[in-house]
C-alpha atoms as a PDB file:
ATOM      1  CA  MET A   1       0.000   0.000   0.000  1.00  0.00           C
ATOM      2  CA  SER A   2       1.554   3.296  -1.083  1.00  0.00           C
ATOM      3  CA  PRO A   3       1.117   6.457   1.011  1.00  0.00           C
ATOM      4  CA  GLU A   4      -1.179   9.251  -0.120  1.00  0.00           C
ATOM      5  CA  PRO A   5       0.473  12.234  -1.869  1.00  0.00           C
ATOM      6  CA  ILE A   6       1.398  15.149   0.385  1.00  0.00           C
ATOM      7  CA  LYS A   7      -1.228  17.889   0.036  1.00  0.00           C
ATOM      8  CA  THR A   8       0.818  20.933  -0.865  1.00  0.00           C
ATOM      9  CA  ALA A   9       0.255  24.697  -1.006  1.00  0.00           C
ATOM     10  CA  ILE A  10       2.249  26.932  -3.348  1.00  0.00           C
ATOM     11  CA  VAL A  11       2.805  30.496  -2.159  1.00  0.00           C
ATOM     12  CA  GLY A  12       2.892  32.702  -5.234  1.00  0.00           C
ATOM     13  CA  VAL A  13       2.571  31.714  -8.857  1.00  0.00           C
ATOM     14  CA  GLY A  14       5.000  34.151 -10.391  1.00  0.00           C
ATOM     15  CA  LEU A  15       8.089  33.115 -12.335  1.00  0.00           C
ATOM     16  CA  ALA A  16       9.459  30.691  -9.722  1.00  0.00           C
ATOM     17  CA  GLY A  17       6.061  29.159  -9.039  1.00  0.00           C
ATOM     18  CA  THR A  18       5.205  28.528 -12.682  1.00  0.00           C
ATOM     19  CA  VAL A  19       8.670  27.591 -13.945  1.00  0.00           C
ATOM     20  CA  PHE A  20      10.038  25.633 -10.990  1.00  0.00           C
ATOM     21  CA  HIS A  21       7.709  24.821  -8.093  1.00  0.00           C
ATOM     22  CA  ILE A  22       4.490  23.662  -9.752  1.00  0.00           C
ATOM     23  CA  PRO A  23       6.187  21.662 -12.554  1.00  0.00           C
ATOM     24  CA  LEU A  24       8.535  19.977 -10.068  1.00  0.00           C
ATOM     25  CA  LEU A  25       5.699  18.948  -7.760  1.00  0.00           C
ATOM     26  CA  LEU A  26       3.570  17.729 -10.671  1.00  0.00           C
ATOM     27  CA  ALA A  27       6.493  15.604 -11.893  1.00  0.00           C
ATOM     28  CA  PHE A  28       6.014  13.458  -8.768  1.00  0.00           C
ATOM     29  CA  PRO A  29       2.245  12.831  -8.570  1.00  0.00           C
ATOM     30  CA  ASP A  30       2.718   9.868  -6.237  1.00  0.00           C
ATOM     31  CA  LEU A  31       4.444  12.140  -3.730  1.00  0.00           C
ATOM     32  CA  PHE A  32       2.753  15.557  -4.047  1.00  0.00           C
ATOM     33  CA  GLU A  33      -0.678  16.986  -4.798  1.00  0.00           C
ATOM     34  CA  VAL A  34      -0.988  20.754  -5.335  1.00  0.00           C
ATOM     35  CA  THR A  35      -4.203  21.521  -3.474  1.00  0.00           C
ATOM     36  CA  VAL A  36      -3.885  25.241  -2.680  1.00  0.00           C
ATOM     37  CA  VAL A  37      -2.158  28.201  -4.328  1.00  0.00           C
ATOM     38  CA  VAL A  38      -1.741  31.682  -2.909  1.00  0.00           C
ATOM     39  CA  GLU A  39      -2.568  34.174  -5.641  1.00  0.00           C
ATOM     40  CA  ARG A  40      -3.761  37.659  -4.765  1.00  0.00           C
ATOM     41  CA  ASN A  41      -5.605  38.486  -7.987  1.00  0.00           C
ATOM     42  CA  PRO A  42      -6.536  35.329  -9.889  1.00  0.00           C
ATOM     43  CA  LYS A  43      -7.974  35.956 -13.322  1.00  0.00           C
ATOM     44  CA  GLN A  44      -9.872  32.649 -13.334  1.00  0.00           C
ATOM     45  CA  GLU A  45     -10.979  29.872 -10.998  1.00  0.00           C
ATOM     46  CA  GLY A  46      -7.881  27.884 -10.096  1.00  0.00           C
ATOM     47  CA  GLY A  47      -5.640  30.823 -10.954  1.00  0.00           C
ATOM     48  CA  LYS A  48      -2.513  30.445 -13.058  1.00  0.00           C
ATOM     49  CA  ALA A  49      -2.167  26.818 -11.927  1.00  0.00           C
ATOM     50  CA  THR A  50      -4.901  25.845 -14.388  1.00  0.00           C
ATOM     51  CA  GLU A  51      -2.255  26.225 -17.113  1.00  0.00           C
ATOM     52  CA  PHE A  52      -0.887  22.928 -15.764  1.00  0.00           C
ATOM     53  CA  GLY A  53      -4.195  21.082 -15.977  1.00  0.00           C
ATOM     54  CA  ILE A  54      -4.991  21.307 -12.265  1.00  0.00           C
ATOM     55  CA  LYS A  55      -7.632  23.290 -10.363  1.00  0.00           C
ATOM     56  CA  PRO A  56      -6.370  23.911  -6.844  1.00  0.00           C
ATOM     57  CA  LYS A  57      -8.189  26.054  -4.321  1.00  0.00           C
ATOM     58  CA  VAL A  58      -6.999  29.666  -4.649  1.00  0.00           C
ATOM     59  CA  VAL A  59      -6.528  31.786  -1.530  1.00  0.00           C
ATOM     60  CA  SER A  60      -5.277  35.348  -1.260  1.00  0.00           C
ATOM     61  CA  SER A  61      -2.927  35.095   1.733  1.00  0.00           C
ATOM     62  CA  ILE A  62      -0.356  32.776   3.246  1.00  0.00           C
ATOM     63  CA  GLU A  63      -2.390  32.783   6.469  1.00  0.00           C
ATOM     64  CA  GLU A  64      -5.311  31.210   4.617  1.00  0.00           C
ATOM     65  CA  ALA A  65      -3.031  28.554   3.122  1.00  0.00           C
ATOM     66  CA  ILE A  66      -1.443  27.699   6.466  1.00  0.00           C
ATOM     67  CA  SER A  67      -4.806  27.489   8.248  1.00  0.00           C
ATOM     68  CA  ASP A  68      -6.306  25.172   5.604  1.00  0.00           C
ATOM     69  CA  ALA A  69      -6.792  21.828   7.346  1.00  0.00           C
ATOM     70  CA  ASP A  70      -6.028  19.884   4.159  1.00  0.00           C
ATOM     71  CA  VAL A  71      -2.595  21.471   3.605  1.00  0.00           C
ATOM     72  CA  GLU A  72       0.311  19.360   4.840  1.00  0.00           C
ATOM     73  CA  LEU A  73       3.207  21.202   3.191  1.00  0.00           C
ATOM     74  CA  VAL A  74       3.764  24.845   2.235  1.00  0.00           C
END
């Protein structure tokens, strides 16, 4: 029985988030699941992360991400 992926929050989806963090986490779907992104002004539901074929919950502050009961890693 394999463990469940770690439910992960990404803080910021600027250059580093879209070029490094999200692609790296998505490369290991057995280990990580991007469930929350912090994006202050999302232009669409799921924010910029939808460019990667995922629809995480979008929050506007790190406090919201940290207090989310489903988030295990920030």
